[in-house]
Amino acid sequence: MDGNPQSTADAGNSGEPAGMPLRGIDHLAIVTDDLEATLDFYTRVLRMQLVHVRRVPYAADRGQPPYDQLRHYFFDMGNDSLFAVFEYPKGVPKANRDHIGGMQHVAFHAPHRRFDEIRAHVRASGVEITEPIDLGDGFLSVYFYDNNGIRLEISTRVEGFDPSVVQSARQTRSTAKAELETLFDDPADVEKWLDRMPLLDG
């Protein structure tokens, strides 16, 4: 990407960062071989609403799963975004989430005022969930697994307010620089990426 995109804070009222044509996630799609259990998990444990059900014909040029007429169901996961599921046939080998190219985990954001409520509901639903883990910089997260073994996270910000997810991820220049210096040997590369980031201190 060329140029220096403006900070998200400089965006208009649309919620879209200036210069970025994407609004955010339309949907994420996971894979299951037990759709009934997955419907139960995401509607009962995470209280998402099932909003669309369909079958998908196979088309080789779309990068789709190599199966014809798969069930493909969609849930409302809040903030005008969808969580989707493909139902694979029984017996397909499971992927390793920690391999390169795997989806390591899915993190959902919760406003701080509802974080304890959501965590308690997950536990009351019979799902083992961690205690809140302090990730630093005002972040708290809890972790658990869905019925397919997919690692899930619920994250919140604990400073007494609920900034946008992107705004809550902003760092100081010194913090970001210290990390980028572990990736790049050339200081010019470090500065190039720092100049592109919406840092707290400019």
N, C-alpha and C. Protein backbone atom coordinates (compact mmCIF):
# COMPACT_ATOMS: atom_id res chain seq x y z
N MET A 1 0.86 -1.18 0.00
CA MET A 1 0.00 0.00 0.00
C MET A 1 0.89 1.22 0.00
N ASP A 2 0.62 2.15 -0.90
CA ASP A 2 1.41 3.36 -1.00
C ASP A 2 0.80 4.47 -0.16
N GLY A 3 1.64 5.42 0.20
CA GLY A 3 1.13 6.59 0.91
C GLY A 3 0.98 6.32 2.39
N ASN A 4 0.45 7.29 3.07
CA ASN A 4 0.28 7.21 4.52
C ASN A 4 -1.18 7.37 4.84
N PRO A 5 -1.93 6.24 5.04
CA PRO A 5 -3.35 6.35 5.30
C PRO A 5 -3.63 7.16 6.56
N GLN A 6 -4.72 7.87 6.53
CA GLN A 6 -5.08 8.67 7.70
C GLN A 6 -5.52 7.76 8.83
N SER A 7 -5.45 8.27 10.02
CA SER A 7 -5.91 7.54 11.18
C SER A 7 -7.40 7.26 11.08
N THR A 8 -7.78 6.14 11.71
CA THR A 8 -9.21 5.83 11.79
C THR A 8 -9.97 6.97 12.45
N ALA A 9 -9.31 7.66 13.35
CA ALA A 9 -9.96 8.77 14.04
C ALA A 9 -10.32 9.90 13.08
N ASP A 10 -9.64 9.94 11.91
CA ASP A 10 -9.90 11.00 10.94
C ASP A 10 -11.01 10.63 9.97
N ALA A 11 -11.56 9.43 10.11
CA ALA A 11 -12.60 9.00 9.17
C ALA A 11 -13.87 9.82 9.40
N GLY A 12 -14.73 9.79 8.41
CA GLY A 12 -16.01 10.46 8.53
C GLY A 12 -16.96 9.67 9.40
N ASN A 13 -18.24 10.02 9.35
CA ASN A 13 -19.23 9.36 10.19
C ASN A 13 -19.60 7.97 9.70
N SER A 14 -19.07 7.55 8.55
CA SER A 14 -19.43 6.25 8.00
C SER A 14 -18.81 5.10 8.77
N GLY A 15 -17.82 5.37 9.61
CA GLY A 15 -17.11 4.31 10.30
C GLY A 15 -16.01 3.70 9.46
N GLU A 16 -15.79 4.20 8.27
CA GLU A 16 -14.76 3.68 7.38
C GLU A 16 -13.51 4.57 7.47
N PRO A 17 -12.33 3.96 7.68
CA PRO A 17 -11.11 4.77 7.68
C PRO A 17 -10.93 5.46 6.34
N ALA A 18 -10.44 6.70 6.38
CA ALA A 18 -10.22 7.43 5.14
C ALA A 18 -9.25 6.67 4.26
N GLY A 19 -9.57 6.56 2.97
CA GLY A 19 -8.71 5.88 2.03
C GLY A 19 -8.88 4.38 1.99
N MET A 20 -9.68 3.80 2.88
CA MET A 20 -9.87 2.35 2.90
C MET A 20 -11.27 2.01 2.39
N PRO A 21 -11.39 1.22 1.31
CA PRO A 21 -12.70 0.91 0.76
C PRO A 21 -13.45 -0.17 1.55
N LEU A 22 -12.77 -0.88 2.45
CA LEU A 22 -13.43 -1.95 3.20
C LEU A 22 -14.08 -1.39 4.46
N ARG A 23 -15.24 -1.92 4.81
CA ARG A 23 -15.92 -1.48 6.03
C ARG A 23 -15.58 -2.37 7.21
N GLY A 24 -15.21 -3.59 6.94
CA GLY A 24 -14.94 -4.54 8.02
C GLY A 24 -15.29 -5.93 7.56
N ILE A 25 -15.57 -6.84 8.48
CA ILE A 25 -15.88 -8.23 8.13
C ILE A 25 -17.34 -8.35 7.75
N ASP A 26 -17.59 -8.91 6.58
CA ASP A 26 -18.95 -9.29 6.18
C ASP A 26 -19.33 -10.59 6.90
N HIS A 27 -18.48 -11.62 6.73
CA HIS A 27 -18.69 -12.86 7.48
C HIS A 27 -17.40 -13.64 7.59
N LEU A 28 -17.29 -14.42 8.65
CA LEU A 28 -16.28 -15.45 8.82
C LEU A 28 -16.95 -16.79 8.58
N ALA A 29 -16.23 -17.76 8.04
CA ALA A 29 -16.81 -19.07 7.79
C ALA A 29 -15.94 -20.15 8.41
N ILE A 30 -16.55 -21.00 9.22
CA ILE A 30 -15.87 -22.14 9.81
C ILE A 30 -16.45 -23.41 9.20
N VAL A 31 -15.86 -24.55 9.56
CA VAL A 31 -16.27 -25.85 9.03
C VAL A 31 -16.67 -26.76 10.18
N THR A 32 -17.75 -27.51 9.99
CA THR A 32 -18.19 -28.48 11.00
C THR A 32 -18.61 -29.77 10.31
N ASP A 33 -18.57 -30.87 11.04
CA ASP A 33 -19.17 -32.11 10.54
C ASP A 33 -20.36 -32.51 11.40
N ASP A 34 -20.79 -31.58 12.27
CA ASP A 34 -21.97 -31.79 13.11
C ASP A 34 -22.74 -30.47 13.17
N LEU A 35 -23.54 -30.23 12.16
CA LEU A 35 -24.21 -28.94 12.06
C LEU A 35 -25.23 -28.73 13.17
N GLU A 36 -25.92 -29.78 13.57
CA GLU A 36 -26.92 -29.63 14.63
C GLU A 36 -26.26 -29.15 15.93
N ALA A 37 -25.13 -29.77 16.28
CA ALA A 37 -24.42 -29.36 17.50
C ALA A 37 -23.88 -27.94 17.37
N THR A 38 -23.45 -27.57 16.17
CA THR A 38 -22.92 -26.23 15.95
C THR A 38 -24.02 -25.18 16.03
N LEU A 39 -25.20 -25.51 15.49
CA LEU A 39 -26.35 -24.60 15.63
C LEU A 39 -26.67 -24.38 17.10
N ASP A 40 -26.65 -25.47 17.87
CA ASP A 40 -26.95 -25.36 19.29
C ASP A 40 -25.91 -24.49 19.99
N PHE A 41 -24.63 -24.72 19.70
CA PHE A 41 -23.57 -23.98 20.39
C PHE A 41 -23.68 -22.48 20.15
N TYR A 42 -23.78 -22.08 18.89
CA TYR A 42 -23.71 -20.65 18.60
C TYR A 42 -25.01 -19.91 18.93
N THR A 43 -26.14 -20.60 18.96
CA THR A 43 -27.37 -19.93 19.36
C THR A 43 -27.60 -19.98 20.87
N ARG A 44 -27.21 -21.08 21.51
CA ARG A 44 -27.44 -21.22 22.95
C ARG A 44 -26.31 -20.63 23.77
N VAL A 45 -25.06 -20.97 23.44
CA VAL A 45 -23.93 -20.53 24.25
C VAL A 45 -23.56 -19.08 23.95
N LEU A 46 -23.50 -18.70 22.67
CA LEU A 46 -23.13 -17.33 22.31
C LEU A 46 -24.32 -16.47 21.93
N ARG A 47 -25.50 -17.04 21.95
CA ARG A 47 -26.77 -16.31 21.75
C ARG A 47 -26.83 -15.55 20.42
N MET A 48 -26.17 -16.10 19.41
CA MET A 48 -26.33 -15.54 18.06
C MET A 48 -27.66 -16.01 17.49
N GLN A 49 -28.15 -15.28 16.51
CA GLN A 49 -29.42 -15.65 15.87
C GLN A 49 -29.14 -16.23 14.49
N LEU A 50 -29.73 -17.39 14.21
CA LEU A 50 -29.63 -17.97 12.88
C LEU A 50 -30.45 -17.10 11.93
N VAL A 51 -29.83 -16.64 10.83
CA VAL A 51 -30.53 -15.68 9.95
C VAL A 51 -30.64 -16.15 8.50
N HIS A 52 -29.87 -17.17 8.09
CA HIS A 52 -29.92 -17.57 6.68
C HIS A 52 -29.43 -19.01 6.56
N VAL A 53 -30.16 -19.82 5.80
CA VAL A 53 -29.77 -21.22 5.57
C VAL A 53 -29.85 -21.50 4.07
N ARG A 54 -28.83 -22.21 3.55
CA ARG A 54 -28.82 -22.47 2.12
C ARG A 54 -27.94 -23.68 1.81
N ARG A 55 -27.99 -24.14 0.56
CA ARG A 55 -27.04 -25.11 0.02
C ARG A 55 -26.20 -24.40 -1.03
N VAL A 56 -24.94 -24.81 -1.14
CA VAL A 56 -24.02 -24.17 -2.06
C VAL A 56 -23.56 -25.17 -3.11
N PRO A 57 -23.88 -24.95 -4.39
CA PRO A 57 -23.37 -25.82 -5.44
C PRO A 57 -21.87 -25.60 -5.63
N TYR A 58 -21.17 -26.67 -5.94
CA TYR A 58 -19.72 -26.56 -6.11
C TYR A 58 -19.39 -25.84 -7.41
N ALA A 59 -18.44 -24.92 -7.34
CA ALA A 59 -17.93 -24.21 -8.52
C ALA A 59 -16.42 -24.10 -8.35
N ALA A 60 -15.67 -24.75 -9.24
CA ALA A 60 -14.22 -24.86 -9.08
C ALA A 60 -13.50 -23.53 -9.12
N ASP A 61 -14.08 -22.53 -9.79
CA ASP A 61 -13.38 -21.26 -9.97
C ASP A 61 -13.59 -20.30 -8.81
N ARG A 62 -14.29 -20.70 -7.77
CA ARG A 62 -14.57 -19.80 -6.65
C ARG A 62 -13.78 -20.13 -5.39
N GLY A 63 -12.91 -21.13 -5.47
CA GLY A 63 -12.14 -21.51 -4.28
C GLY A 63 -13.01 -22.10 -3.19
N GLN A 64 -14.11 -22.72 -3.57
CA GLN A 64 -15.04 -23.29 -2.59
C GLN A 64 -14.57 -24.65 -2.09
N PRO A 65 -15.13 -25.11 -0.98
CA PRO A 65 -14.84 -26.47 -0.54
C PRO A 65 -15.20 -27.47 -1.66
N PRO A 66 -14.43 -28.55 -1.79
CA PRO A 66 -14.62 -29.48 -2.91
C PRO A 66 -15.77 -30.46 -2.73
N TYR A 67 -16.91 -29.97 -2.33
CA TYR A 67 -18.09 -30.81 -2.13
C TYR A 67 -19.29 -30.07 -2.71
N ASP A 68 -20.21 -30.82 -3.28
CA ASP A 68 -21.38 -30.20 -3.90
C ASP A 68 -22.55 -30.13 -2.93
N GLN A 69 -23.30 -29.04 -3.01
CA GLN A 69 -24.53 -28.85 -2.23
C GLN A 69 -24.28 -28.91 -0.72
N LEU A 70 -23.19 -28.30 -0.29
CA LEU A 70 -22.94 -28.22 1.16
C LEU A 70 -23.94 -27.28 1.81
N ARG A 71 -24.36 -27.64 3.02
CA ARG A 71 -25.13 -26.68 3.82
C ARG A 71 -24.21 -25.54 4.23
N HIS A 72 -24.74 -24.31 4.14
CA HIS A 72 -23.97 -23.10 4.48
C HIS A 72 -24.92 -22.18 5.24
N TYR A 73 -24.78 -22.13 6.57
CA TYR A 73 -25.71 -21.41 7.43
C TYR A 73 -25.02 -20.17 8.02
N PHE A 74 -25.82 -19.13 8.25
CA PHE A 74 -25.28 -17.85 8.71
C PHE A 74 -25.97 -17.40 10.00
N PHE A 75 -25.16 -16.83 10.92
CA PHE A 75 -25.65 -16.29 12.19
C PHE A 75 -25.32 -14.80 12.26
N ASP A 76 -26.19 -14.05 12.92
CA ASP A 76 -25.91 -12.65 13.23
C ASP A 76 -24.99 -12.62 14.45
N MET A 77 -23.74 -12.11 14.27
CA MET A 77 -22.82 -12.05 15.41
C MET A 77 -22.66 -10.62 15.93
N GLY A 78 -23.59 -9.74 15.55
CA GLY A 78 -23.58 -8.38 16.08
C GLY A 78 -22.84 -7.41 15.20
N ASN A 79 -23.15 -6.14 15.36
CA ASN A 79 -22.48 -5.05 14.66
C ASN A 79 -22.53 -5.22 13.15
N ASP A 80 -23.65 -5.73 12.65
CA ASP A 80 -23.89 -5.89 11.22
C ASP A 80 -22.84 -6.78 10.55
N SER A 81 -22.49 -7.89 11.20
CA SER A 81 -21.57 -8.87 10.62
C SER A 81 -22.08 -10.28 10.90
N LEU A 82 -21.67 -11.20 10.07
CA LEU A 82 -22.21 -12.56 10.09
C LEU A 82 -21.13 -13.58 10.43
N PHE A 83 -21.54 -14.66 11.06
CA PHE A 83 -20.69 -15.81 11.34
C PHE A 83 -21.30 -16.98 10.59
N ALA A 84 -20.50 -17.64 9.75
CA ALA A 84 -21.05 -18.66 8.85
C ALA A 84 -20.42 -20.02 9.12
N VAL A 85 -21.16 -21.06 8.74
CA VAL A 85 -20.72 -22.44 8.94
C VAL A 85 -20.94 -23.23 7.65
N PHE A 86 -19.92 -23.97 7.24
CA PHE A 86 -20.07 -24.98 6.20
C PHE A 86 -20.16 -26.34 6.87
N GLU A 87 -21.08 -27.20 6.41
CA GLU A 87 -21.15 -28.56 6.92
C GLU A 87 -20.40 -29.50 5.98
N TYR A 88 -19.27 -30.03 6.46
CA TYR A 88 -18.49 -30.99 5.68
C TYR A 88 -18.99 -32.41 5.95
N PRO A 89 -18.73 -33.32 5.04
CA PRO A 89 -19.10 -34.72 5.28
C PRO A 89 -18.36 -35.29 6.48
N LYS A 90 -18.95 -36.27 7.14
CA LYS A 90 -18.27 -36.96 8.23
C LYS A 90 -17.01 -37.64 7.70
N GLY A 91 -15.98 -37.68 8.53
CA GLY A 91 -14.78 -38.40 8.16
C GLY A 91 -13.70 -37.57 7.52
N VAL A 92 -13.96 -36.29 7.24
CA VAL A 92 -12.92 -35.43 6.70
C VAL A 92 -11.91 -35.12 7.82
N PRO A 93 -10.60 -35.28 7.57
CA PRO A 93 -9.61 -35.03 8.63
C PRO A 93 -9.70 -33.60 9.15
N LYS A 94 -9.50 -33.44 10.46
CA LYS A 94 -9.51 -32.11 11.05
C LYS A 94 -8.19 -31.41 10.79
N ALA A 95 -8.24 -30.08 10.61
CA ALA A 95 -7.04 -29.28 10.41
C ALA A 95 -6.39 -28.99 11.75
N ASN A 96 -5.13 -28.60 11.71
CA ASN A 96 -4.42 -28.15 12.90
C ASN A 96 -4.43 -26.63 12.90
N ARG A 97 -5.10 -26.04 13.89
CA ARG A 97 -5.24 -24.58 13.93
C ARG A 97 -3.90 -23.88 14.06
N ASP A 98 -2.89 -24.58 14.55
CA ASP A 98 -1.60 -23.94 14.78
C ASP A 98 -0.63 -24.09 13.61
N HIS A 99 -1.08 -24.70 12.52
CA HIS A 99 -0.25 -24.77 11.33
C HIS A 99 -0.35 -23.47 10.54
N ILE A 100 0.68 -23.19 9.73
CA ILE A 100 0.65 -22.01 8.88
C ILE A 100 -0.55 -22.07 7.96
N GLY A 101 -1.27 -20.98 7.86
CA GLY A 101 -2.45 -20.91 7.02
C GLY A 101 -3.73 -21.30 7.73
N GLY A 102 -3.61 -21.83 8.95
CA GLY A 102 -4.80 -22.18 9.72
C GLY A 102 -5.38 -20.96 10.40
N MET A 103 -6.68 -21.03 10.72
CA MET A 103 -7.30 -19.95 11.49
C MET A 103 -7.04 -20.25 12.96
N GLN A 104 -6.15 -19.51 13.58
CA GLN A 104 -5.67 -19.85 14.92
C GLN A 104 -6.77 -19.69 15.97
N HIS A 105 -7.55 -18.61 15.89
CA HIS A 105 -8.70 -18.46 16.77
C HIS A 105 -9.59 -17.34 16.25
N VAL A 106 -10.80 -17.28 16.79
CA VAL A 106 -11.73 -16.19 16.48
C VAL A 106 -11.98 -15.43 17.77
N ALA A 107 -11.79 -14.11 17.72
CA ALA A 107 -12.01 -13.27 18.90
C ALA A 107 -13.22 -12.38 18.68
N PHE A 108 -14.17 -12.46 19.59
CA PHE A 108 -15.34 -11.59 19.58
C PHE A 108 -15.13 -10.47 20.59
N HIS A 109 -15.59 -9.26 20.26
CA HIS A 109 -15.48 -8.14 21.19
C HIS A 109 -16.76 -8.03 22.01
N ALA A 110 -16.59 -7.71 23.29
CA ALA A 110 -17.73 -7.46 24.17
C ALA A 110 -17.51 -6.14 24.88
N PRO A 111 -18.55 -5.31 25.01
CA PRO A 111 -18.39 -4.10 25.82
C PRO A 111 -18.11 -4.50 27.27
N HIS A 112 -17.29 -3.70 27.93
CA HIS A 112 -16.86 -4.05 29.28
C HIS A 112 -18.04 -4.26 30.23
N ARG A 113 -19.08 -3.47 30.06
CA ARG A 113 -20.22 -3.56 30.98
C ARG A 113 -20.94 -4.91 30.88
N ARG A 114 -20.72 -5.67 29.79
CA ARG A 114 -21.40 -6.96 29.63
C ARG A 114 -20.44 -8.14 29.63
N PHE A 115 -19.16 -7.87 29.86
CA PHE A 115 -18.14 -8.92 29.79
C PHE A 115 -18.40 -10.04 30.80
N ASP A 116 -18.65 -9.68 32.06
CA ASP A 116 -18.88 -10.69 33.10
C ASP A 116 -20.16 -11.48 32.82
N GLU A 117 -21.17 -10.79 32.33
CA GLU A 117 -22.44 -11.46 32.00
C GLU A 117 -22.23 -12.53 30.93
N ILE A 118 -21.50 -12.18 29.89
CA ILE A 118 -21.28 -13.12 28.79
C ILE A 118 -20.45 -14.30 29.26
N ARG A 119 -19.40 -14.03 30.03
CA ARG A 119 -18.56 -15.11 30.54
C ARG A 119 -19.36 -16.06 31.43
N ALA A 120 -20.20 -15.50 32.28
CA ALA A 120 -21.02 -16.33 33.17
C ALA A 120 -22.00 -17.17 32.35
N HIS A 121 -22.55 -16.62 31.29
CA HIS A 121 -23.50 -17.37 30.47
C HIS A 121 -22.82 -18.54 29.77
N VAL A 122 -21.61 -18.30 29.24
CA VAL A 122 -20.88 -19.39 28.59
C VAL A 122 -20.63 -20.52 29.58
N ARG A 123 -20.19 -20.16 30.79
CA ARG A 123 -19.93 -21.19 31.81
C ARG A 123 -21.22 -21.90 32.22
N ALA A 124 -22.31 -21.14 32.38
CA ALA A 124 -23.59 -21.75 32.76
C ALA A 124 -24.13 -22.67 31.67
N SER A 125 -23.65 -22.48 30.45
CA SER A 125 -24.07 -23.34 29.34
C SER A 125 -23.30 -24.65 29.30
N GLY A 126 -22.42 -24.86 30.27
CA GLY A 126 -21.68 -26.11 30.36
C GLY A 126 -20.38 -26.11 29.58
N VAL A 127 -19.90 -24.92 29.22
CA VAL A 127 -18.66 -24.81 28.45
C VAL A 127 -17.55 -24.32 29.36
N GLU A 128 -16.42 -25.02 29.35
CA GLU A 128 -15.27 -24.62 30.17
C GLU A 128 -14.65 -23.37 29.57
N ILE A 129 -14.45 -22.36 30.41
CA ILE A 129 -13.93 -21.08 29.96
C ILE A 129 -12.90 -20.58 30.97
N THR A 130 -11.86 -19.92 30.49
CA THR A 130 -10.81 -19.46 31.40
C THR A 130 -11.31 -18.30 32.25
N GLU A 131 -10.56 -18.03 33.31
CA GLU A 131 -10.74 -16.79 34.04
C GLU A 131 -10.22 -15.65 33.16
N PRO A 132 -10.65 -14.41 33.42
CA PRO A 132 -10.13 -13.29 32.61
C PRO A 132 -8.61 -13.20 32.69
N ILE A 133 -7.98 -13.01 31.54
CA ILE A 133 -6.53 -12.90 31.44
C ILE A 133 -6.18 -11.46 31.04
N ASP A 134 -5.34 -10.83 31.83
CA ASP A 134 -4.90 -9.46 31.57
C ASP A 134 -3.82 -9.49 30.49
N LEU A 135 -4.13 -8.96 29.32
CA LEU A 135 -3.19 -8.96 28.20
C LEU A 135 -2.37 -7.68 28.13
N GLY A 136 -2.53 -6.79 29.11
CA GLY A 136 -1.81 -5.53 29.11
C GLY A 136 -2.54 -4.48 28.29
N ASP A 137 -2.15 -3.23 28.47
CA ASP A 137 -2.74 -2.09 27.75
C ASP A 137 -4.25 -2.01 27.93
N GLY A 138 -4.76 -2.51 29.07
CA GLY A 138 -6.19 -2.39 29.34
C GLY A 138 -7.06 -3.45 28.70
N PHE A 139 -6.46 -4.52 28.15
CA PHE A 139 -7.24 -5.58 27.53
C PHE A 139 -7.44 -6.74 28.49
N LEU A 140 -8.65 -7.28 28.50
CA LEU A 140 -8.95 -8.53 29.19
C LEU A 140 -9.56 -9.49 28.18
N SER A 141 -9.19 -10.78 28.29
CA SER A 141 -9.77 -11.77 27.40
C SER A 141 -10.04 -13.06 28.16
N VAL A 142 -11.04 -13.80 27.69
CA VAL A 142 -11.29 -15.16 28.15
C VAL A 142 -11.29 -16.07 26.92
N TYR A 143 -10.96 -17.36 27.15
CA TYR A 143 -10.81 -18.30 26.04
C TYR A 143 -11.59 -19.57 26.31
N PHE A 144 -12.12 -20.16 25.23
CA PHE A 144 -12.86 -21.41 25.32
C PHE A 144 -12.92 -22.02 23.93
N TYR A 145 -13.54 -23.18 23.80
CA TYR A 145 -13.61 -23.89 22.53
C TYR A 145 -15.06 -24.18 22.16
N ASP A 146 -15.35 -24.12 20.87
CA ASP A 146 -16.69 -24.51 20.44
C ASP A 146 -16.75 -26.03 20.29
N ASN A 147 -17.90 -26.55 19.86
CA ASN A 147 -18.08 -27.99 19.76
C ASN A 147 -17.22 -28.64 18.69
N ASN A 148 -16.64 -27.82 17.80
CA ASN A 148 -15.77 -28.34 16.74
C ASN A 148 -14.29 -28.28 17.12
N GLY A 149 -13.99 -27.79 18.32
CA GLY A 149 -12.60 -27.63 18.73
C GLY A 149 -11.98 -26.34 18.27
N ILE A 150 -12.80 -25.40 17.80
CA ILE A 150 -12.29 -24.11 17.35
C ILE A 150 -12.08 -23.21 18.57
N ARG A 151 -10.90 -22.62 18.66
CA ARG A 151 -10.56 -21.76 19.80
C ARG A 151 -11.25 -20.41 19.64
N LEU A 152 -11.99 -20.01 20.66
CA LEU A 152 -12.72 -18.75 20.65
C LEU A 152 -12.22 -17.86 21.79
N GLU A 153 -12.35 -16.58 21.59
CA GLU A 153 -11.94 -15.58 22.58
C GLU A 153 -13.02 -14.52 22.69
N ILE A 154 -13.26 -14.04 23.89
CA ILE A 154 -14.06 -12.84 24.08
C ILE A 154 -13.14 -11.81 24.72
N SER A 155 -13.02 -10.66 24.08
CA SER A 155 -12.08 -9.63 24.50
C SER A 155 -12.83 -8.37 24.87
N THR A 156 -12.29 -7.64 25.83
CA THR A 156 -12.88 -6.36 26.22
C THR A 156 -11.78 -5.39 26.61
N ARG A 157 -12.15 -4.15 26.76
CA ARG A 157 -11.24 -3.08 27.17
C ARG A 157 -11.72 -2.59 28.53
N VAL A 158 -10.82 -2.36 29.48
CA VAL A 158 -11.24 -2.18 30.87
C VAL A 158 -10.99 -0.78 31.44
N GLU A 159 -10.98 0.23 30.61
CA GLU A 159 -10.67 1.56 31.12
C GLU A 159 -11.92 2.38 31.45
N GLY A 160 -13.04 1.72 31.63
CA GLY A 160 -14.25 2.43 32.02
C GLY A 160 -15.01 3.03 30.85
N PHE A 161 -14.59 2.72 29.65
CA PHE A 161 -15.31 3.18 28.47
C PHE A 161 -15.13 2.13 27.39
N ASP A 162 -15.91 2.24 26.34
CA ASP A 162 -15.89 1.25 25.28
C ASP A 162 -15.54 1.91 23.95
N PRO A 163 -14.24 2.12 23.70
CA PRO A 163 -13.86 2.67 22.41
C PRO A 163 -14.11 1.65 21.30
N SER A 164 -14.01 2.09 20.07
CA SER A 164 -14.14 1.13 18.98
C SER A 164 -13.02 0.12 19.07
N VAL A 165 -13.23 -1.04 18.47
CA VAL A 165 -12.22 -2.09 18.52
C VAL A 165 -10.90 -1.59 17.96
N VAL A 166 -10.94 -0.92 16.81
CA VAL A 166 -9.70 -0.44 16.19
C VAL A 166 -9.03 0.61 17.06
N GLN A 167 -9.81 1.55 17.60
CA GLN A 167 -9.22 2.58 18.44
C GLN A 167 -8.59 1.99 19.69
N SER A 168 -9.19 0.93 20.22
CA SER A 168 -8.64 0.33 21.44
C SER A 168 -7.33 -0.39 21.18
N ALA A 169 -7.00 -0.65 19.93
CA ALA A 169 -5.75 -1.34 19.60
C ALA A 169 -4.59 -0.39 19.35
N ARG A 170 -4.84 0.91 19.37
CA ARG A 170 -3.77 1.87 19.07
C ARG A 170 -2.70 1.85 20.17
N GLN A 171 -1.44 2.09 19.75
CA GLN A 171 -0.30 2.03 20.65
C GLN A 171 0.48 3.34 20.60
N THR A 172 1.38 3.50 21.57
CA THR A 172 2.32 4.61 21.48
C THR A 172 3.41 4.26 20.46
N ARG A 173 4.05 5.27 19.96
CA ARG A 173 5.11 5.06 18.98
C ARG A 173 6.25 4.20 19.56
N SER A 174 6.59 4.46 20.81
CA SER A 174 7.71 3.73 21.41
C SER A 174 7.39 2.25 21.56
N THR A 175 6.17 1.92 21.93
CA THR A 175 5.79 0.51 22.08
C THR A 175 5.81 -0.20 20.73
N ALA A 176 5.23 0.45 19.72
CA ALA A 176 5.20 -0.16 18.38
C ALA A 176 6.61 -0.28 17.82
N LYS A 177 7.44 0.75 18.04
CA LYS A 177 8.81 0.74 17.52
C LYS A 177 9.61 -0.41 18.11
N ALA A 178 9.48 -0.62 19.42
CA ALA A 178 10.23 -1.69 20.08
C ALA A 178 9.90 -3.05 19.47
N GLU A 179 8.65 -3.27 19.13
CA GLU A 179 8.27 -4.55 18.50
C GLU A 179 8.75 -4.64 17.06
N LEU A 180 8.55 -3.59 16.28
CA LEU A 180 8.94 -3.62 14.87
C LEU A 180 10.46 -3.78 14.71
N GLU A 181 11.22 -3.31 15.68
CA GLU A 181 12.68 -3.47 15.61
C GLU A 181 13.10 -4.93 15.77
N THR A 182 12.21 -5.77 16.30
CA THR A 182 12.52 -7.21 16.37
C THR A 182 12.23 -7.91 15.05
N LEU A 183 11.48 -7.25 14.15
CA LEU A 183 11.13 -7.84 12.86
C LEU A 183 12.04 -7.36 11.74
N PHE A 184 12.38 -6.08 11.75
CA PHE A 184 13.16 -5.48 10.67
C PHE A 184 14.57 -5.10 11.15
N ASP A 185 15.58 -5.41 10.32
CA ASP A 185 16.95 -5.01 10.62
C ASP A 185 17.23 -3.57 10.21
N ASP A 186 16.55 -3.11 9.17
CA ASP A 186 16.79 -1.78 8.62
C ASP A 186 15.90 -0.76 9.35
N PRO A 187 16.49 0.22 10.03
CA PRO A 187 15.67 1.24 10.72
C PRO A 187 14.71 1.96 9.78
N ALA A 188 15.06 2.06 8.49
CA ALA A 188 14.16 2.73 7.55
C ALA A 188 12.86 1.96 7.39
N ASP A 189 12.95 0.63 7.45
CA ASP A 189 11.72 -0.18 7.38
C ASP A 189 10.86 0.03 8.62
N VAL A 190 11.51 0.13 9.77
CA VAL A 190 10.76 0.39 11.01
C VAL A 190 10.03 1.72 10.90
N GLU A 191 10.72 2.75 10.47
CA GLU A 191 10.12 4.07 10.36
C GLU A 191 9.01 4.09 9.32
N LYS A 192 9.19 3.37 8.23
CA LYS A 192 8.17 3.31 7.18
C LYS A 192 6.85 2.79 7.74
N TRP A 193 6.92 1.71 8.52
CA TRP A 193 5.69 1.14 9.06
C TRP A 193 5.12 1.98 10.20
N LEU A 194 5.98 2.59 11.00
CA LEU A 194 5.49 3.48 12.04
C LEU A 194 4.71 4.65 11.44
N ASP A 195 5.20 5.17 10.32
CA ASP A 195 4.54 6.30 9.68
C ASP A 195 3.17 5.93 9.13
N ARG A 196 2.92 4.65 8.94
CA ARG A 196 1.64 4.20 8.39
C ARG A 196 0.63 3.83 9.47
N MET A 197 1.07 3.80 10.70
CA MET A 197 0.19 3.36 11.79
C MET A 197 -0.51 4.53 12.47
N PRO A 198 -1.77 4.33 12.91
CA PRO A 198 -2.50 5.38 13.64
C PRO A 198 -2.10 5.37 15.12
N LEU A 199 -0.93 5.90 15.41
CA LEU A 199 -0.36 5.81 16.76
C LEU A 199 -1.02 6.83 17.71
N LEU A 200 -0.97 6.52 18.99
CA LEU A 200 -1.60 7.39 19.97
C LEU A 200 -0.90 8.74 20.06
N ASP A 201 0.41 8.76 19.84
CA ASP A 201 1.15 10.00 19.96
C ASP A 201 1.65 10.50 18.61
N GLY A 202 0.91 10.20 17.56
CA GLY A 202 1.22 10.73 16.23
C GLY A 202 2.29 10.00 15.50
